[in-house]
Structure formats: C-alpha cells, structure tokens
Amino acid sequence: MHSEAKSLPLKAAHRRADRLAMEFLGAALSSVASMLFLTMVVAGVYKLFQVATLLSEMKDLLLDIKRNTNSQPLATPPSTPFSGPITLESAENLLRAVSELDHLTPPVIEHKS
C-alpha cells in the first residue's frame, strides 16, 4: 500500500526571457539611481558656491560700510525741546495734552430748518 504522491513545485520554472527582463530592469534602476545621486552632488556643489559668493558680497558690503563710517564724523543726537530736567508740572501738562487728543469731541453740526 505504498502510493507515490506527486509533489508540486514551489517555484515556477524561470524562463530565460523573464531573467533577461529582470536584468534589464535592474540595470535601468541602477542607472537612474546613479544619475540622481550625481545630480544631487552637482546641486550641492552649486549651492555651496552660491553661499560662498553671498558671504563674500556681504563681507565686501560690511567693509564698505566700515570705511564710510570711519571717514564721517559721529552724528550728534538731536536737541530736546526741554532745556533742563523734566519737572512734575511739565509732565502733567504733557499728560493733559495727550489726554485731550485721545478724547476729542466731534463738533456739533446744527441743521437749519
């Protein structure tokens, strides 16, 4: 009573055309990945040169500003309208003036009938 059972293959038999297609697909993906990597490296180097150029321009501008400020005399602060220290009366007058500006009453317009 010994019967032989046929076993099913676990993997489908690879055909030569399938293997060839997979080799081309692998080569194509590898080439695309290489081109993307090279593009990223070139873009990084380009950006690095842009940053270096910008920094050198900023350095030149700062040197020009320093050169121009050293040749001109220092500016004096504008004179204040108060000749002496601020007193309590002048502070109260200033507060009243500002308060009047905040609480302006609109003019009354009378209609003539």
C-alpha atoms as a PDB file:
ATOM      1  CA  MET A   1       0.000   0.000   0.000  1.00  0.00           C
ATOM      2  CA  HIS A   2       2.653   2.276  -0.752  1.00  0.00           C
ATOM      3  CA  SER A   3       1.456   5.010  -3.078  1.00  0.00           C
ATOM      4  CA  GLU A   4       3.614   7.702  -4.525  1.00  0.00           C
ATOM      5  CA  ALA A   5       2.245  11.232  -4.374  1.00  0.00           C
ATOM      6  CA  LYS A   6       3.322  13.774  -6.905  1.00  0.00           C
ATOM      7  CA  SER A   7       4.777  16.904  -5.357  1.00  0.00           C
ATOM      8  CA  LEU A   8       4.018  20.318  -6.737  1.00  0.00           C
ATOM      9  CA  PRO A   9       6.977  22.570  -7.488  1.00  0.00           C
ATOM     10  CA  LEU A  10       7.210  25.520  -5.069  1.00  0.00           C
ATOM     11  CA  LYS A  11       8.695  27.873  -7.617  1.00  0.00           C
ATOM     12  CA  ALA A  12       7.626  28.341 -11.148  1.00  0.00           C
ATOM     13  CA  ALA A  13      10.307  27.492 -13.625  1.00  0.00           C
ATOM     14  CA  HIS A  14      12.154  30.636 -14.635  1.00  0.00           C
ATOM     15  CA  ARG A  15      12.182  31.265 -18.254  1.00  0.00           C
ATOM     16  CA  ARG A  16      15.124  32.878 -19.893  1.00  0.00           C
ATOM     17  CA  ALA A  17      13.031  35.858 -21.089  1.00  0.00           C
ATOM     18  CA  ASP A  18      11.939  36.625 -17.519  1.00  0.00           C
ATOM     19  CA  ARG A  19      15.527  36.604 -16.264  1.00  0.00           C
ATOM     20  CA  LEU A  20      16.641  38.822 -19.129  1.00  0.00           C
ATOM     21  CA  ALA A  21      13.846  41.335 -18.437  1.00  0.00           C
ATOM     22  CA  MET A  22      14.784  41.458 -14.752  1.00  0.00           C
ATOM     23  CA  GLU A  23      18.437  42.053 -15.607  1.00  0.00           C
ATOM     24  CA  PHE A  24      17.495  44.993 -17.848  1.00  0.00           C
ATOM     25  CA  LEU A  25      15.169  46.387 -15.170  1.00  0.00           C
ATOM     26  CA  GLY A  26      17.911  46.117 -12.543  1.00  0.00           C
ATOM     27  CA  ALA A  27      20.419  47.832 -14.822  1.00  0.00           C
ATOM     28  CA  ALA A  28      17.933  50.615 -15.618  1.00  0.00           C
ATOM     29  CA  LEU A  29      17.131  51.229 -11.942  1.00  0.00           C
ATOM     30  CA  SER A  30      20.820  51.271 -11.103  1.00  0.00           C
ATOM     31  CA  SER A  31      21.475  53.845 -13.831  1.00  0.00           C
ATOM     32  CA  VAL A  32      18.600  56.053 -12.666  1.00  0.00           C
ATOM     33  CA  ALA A  33      19.847  55.896  -9.070  1.00  0.00           C
ATOM     34  CA  SER A  34      23.369  56.816 -10.201  1.00  0.00           C
ATOM     35  CA  MET A  35      22.082  59.777 -12.226  1.00  0.00           C
ATOM     36  CA  LEU A  36      20.000  61.023  -9.279  1.00  0.00           C
ATOM     37  CA  PHE A  37      22.978  60.764  -6.949  1.00  0.00           C
ATOM     38  CA  LEU A  38      25.213  62.634  -9.391  1.00  0.00           C
ATOM     39  CA  THR A  39      22.548  65.329  -9.840  1.00  0.00           C
ATOM     40  CA  MET A  40      22.287  65.763  -6.061  1.00  0.00           C
ATOM     41  CA  VAL A  41      26.074  66.109  -5.737  1.00  0.00           C
ATOM     42  CA  VAL A  42      26.211  68.720  -8.528  1.00  0.00           C
ATOM     43  CA  ALA A  43      23.299  70.656  -6.984  1.00  0.00           C
ATOM     44  CA  GLY A  44      25.030  70.608  -3.588  1.00  0.00           C
ATOM     45  CA  VAL A  45      28.298  71.934  -5.008  1.00  0.00           C
ATOM     46  CA  TYR A  46      26.390  74.637  -6.919  1.00  0.00           C
ATOM     47  CA  LYS A  47      24.564  75.695  -3.748  1.00  0.00           C
ATOM     48  CA  LEU A  48      27.843  75.773  -1.848  1.00  0.00           C
ATOM     49  CA  PHE A  49      29.311  78.178  -4.414  1.00  0.00           C
ATOM     50  CA  GLN A  50      26.180  80.351  -4.175  1.00  0.00           C
ATOM     51  CA  VAL A  51      26.540  80.592  -0.408  1.00  0.00           C
ATOM     52  CA  ALA A  52      30.245  81.392  -0.694  1.00  0.00           C
ATOM     53  CA  THR A  53      29.506  84.155  -3.214  1.00  0.00           C
ATOM     54  CA  LEU A  54      26.791  85.619  -0.992  1.00  0.00           C
ATOM     55  CA  LEU A  55      29.096  85.614   2.029  1.00  0.00           C
ATOM     56  CA  SER A  56      31.865  87.357   0.109  1.00  0.00           C
ATOM     57  CA  GLU A  57      29.394  90.018  -1.089  1.00  0.00           C
ATOM     58  CA  MET A  58      28.208  90.558   2.482  1.00  0.00           C
ATOM     59  CA  LYS A  59      31.824  90.887   3.628  1.00  0.00           C
ATOM     60  CA  ASP A  60      32.505  93.490   0.943  1.00  0.00           C
ATOM     61  CA  LEU A  61      29.394  95.456   1.936  1.00  0.00           C
ATOM     62  CA  LEU A  62      30.386  95.430   5.585  1.00  0.00           C
ATOM     63  CA  LEU A  63      33.877  96.644   4.718  1.00  0.00           C
ATOM     64  CA  ASP A  64      32.380  99.461   2.609  1.00  0.00           C
ATOM     65  CA  ILE A  65      30.092 100.464   5.461  1.00  0.00           C
ATOM     66  CA  LYS A  66      33.007 100.433   7.897  1.00  0.00           C
ATOM     67  CA  ARG A  67      35.128 102.512   5.526  1.00  0.00           C
ATOM     68  CA  ASN A  68      32.348 105.071   5.029  1.00  0.00           C
ATOM     69  CA  THR A  69      31.510 105.413   8.722  1.00  0.00           C
ATOM     70  CA  ASN A  70      35.139 105.925   9.714  1.00  0.00           C
ATOM     71  CA  SER A  71      35.508 108.889   7.346  1.00  0.00           C
ATOM     72  CA  GLN A  72      32.380 110.713   8.580  1.00  0.00           C
ATOM     73  CA  PRO A  73      32.102 112.429  11.956  1.00  0.00           C
ATOM     74  CA  LEU A  74      29.803 110.950  14.536  1.00  0.00           C
ATOM     75  CA  ALA A  75      26.268 112.309  14.467  1.00  0.00           C
ATOM     76  CA  THR A  76      25.153 114.335  17.442  1.00  0.00           C
ATOM     77  CA  PRO A  77      21.824 113.443  18.975  1.00  0.00           C
ATOM     78  CA  PRO A  78      19.015 115.896  18.202  1.00  0.00           C
ATOM     79  CA  SER A  79      18.438 118.560  20.776  1.00  0.00           C
ATOM     80  CA  THR A  80      15.443 118.081  23.024  1.00  0.00           C
ATOM     81  CA  PRO A  81      12.836 120.784  23.448  1.00  0.00           C
ATOM     82  CA  PHE A  82      13.426 120.657  27.187  1.00  0.00           C
ATOM     83  CA  SER A  83      16.476 122.506  28.322  1.00  0.00           C
ATOM     84  CA  GLY A  84      16.524 121.074  31.812  1.00  0.00           C
ATOM     85  CA  PRO A  85      15.207 118.104  33.718  1.00  0.00           C
ATOM     86  CA  ILE A  86      11.557 117.192  33.369  1.00  0.00           C
ATOM     87  CA  THR A  87       9.500 118.643  36.196  1.00  0.00           C
ATOM     88  CA  LEU A  88       6.210 117.449  37.608  1.00  0.00           C
ATOM     89  CA  GLU A  89       4.358 120.418  36.070  1.00  0.00           C
ATOM     90  CA  SER A  90       5.697 119.768  32.567  1.00  0.00           C
ATOM     91  CA  ALA A  91       4.802 116.093  32.846  1.00  0.00           C
ATOM     92  CA  GLU A  92       1.266 116.964  33.945  1.00  0.00           C
ATOM     93  CA  ASN A  93       0.895 119.412  31.052  1.00  0.00           C
ATOM     94  CA  LEU A  94       2.090 116.783  28.594  1.00  0.00           C
ATOM     95  CA  LEU A  95      -0.342 114.221  30.035  1.00  0.00           C
ATOM     96  CA  ARG A  96      -3.242 116.688  29.731  1.00  0.00           C
ATOM     97  CA  ALA A  97      -2.360 117.441  26.102  1.00  0.00           C
ATOM     98  CA  VAL A  98      -2.245 113.765  25.199  1.00  0.00           C
ATOM     99  CA  SER A  99      -5.483 113.094  27.064  1.00  0.00           C
ATOM    100  CA  GLU A 100      -7.222 115.889  25.162  1.00  0.00           C
ATOM    101  CA  LEU A 101      -6.069 114.394  21.879  1.00  0.00           C
ATOM    102  CA  ASP A 102      -7.432 110.982  22.869  1.00  0.00           C
ATOM    103  CA  HIS A 103     -10.839 112.306  23.920  1.00  0.00           C
ATOM    104  CA  LEU A 104     -11.685 114.748  21.179  1.00  0.00           C
ATOM    105  CA  THR A 105     -15.357 115.516  20.931  1.00  0.00           C
ATOM    106  CA  PRO A 106     -16.709 115.888  17.439  1.00  0.00           C
ATOM    107  CA  PRO A 107     -18.061 119.318  16.586  1.00  0.00           C
ATOM    108  CA  VAL A 108     -21.803 119.732  16.849  1.00  0.00           C
ATOM    109  CA  ILE A 109     -23.408 120.456  13.494  1.00  0.00           C
ATOM    110  CA  GLU A 110     -26.693 122.269  13.697  1.00  0.00           C
ATOM    111  CA  HIS A 111     -29.233 121.818  10.952  1.00  0.00           C
ATOM    112  CA  LYS A 112     -31.099 124.916   9.885  1.00  0.00           C
ATOM    113  CA  SER A 113     -34.714 124.304   9.227  1.00  0.00           C
END
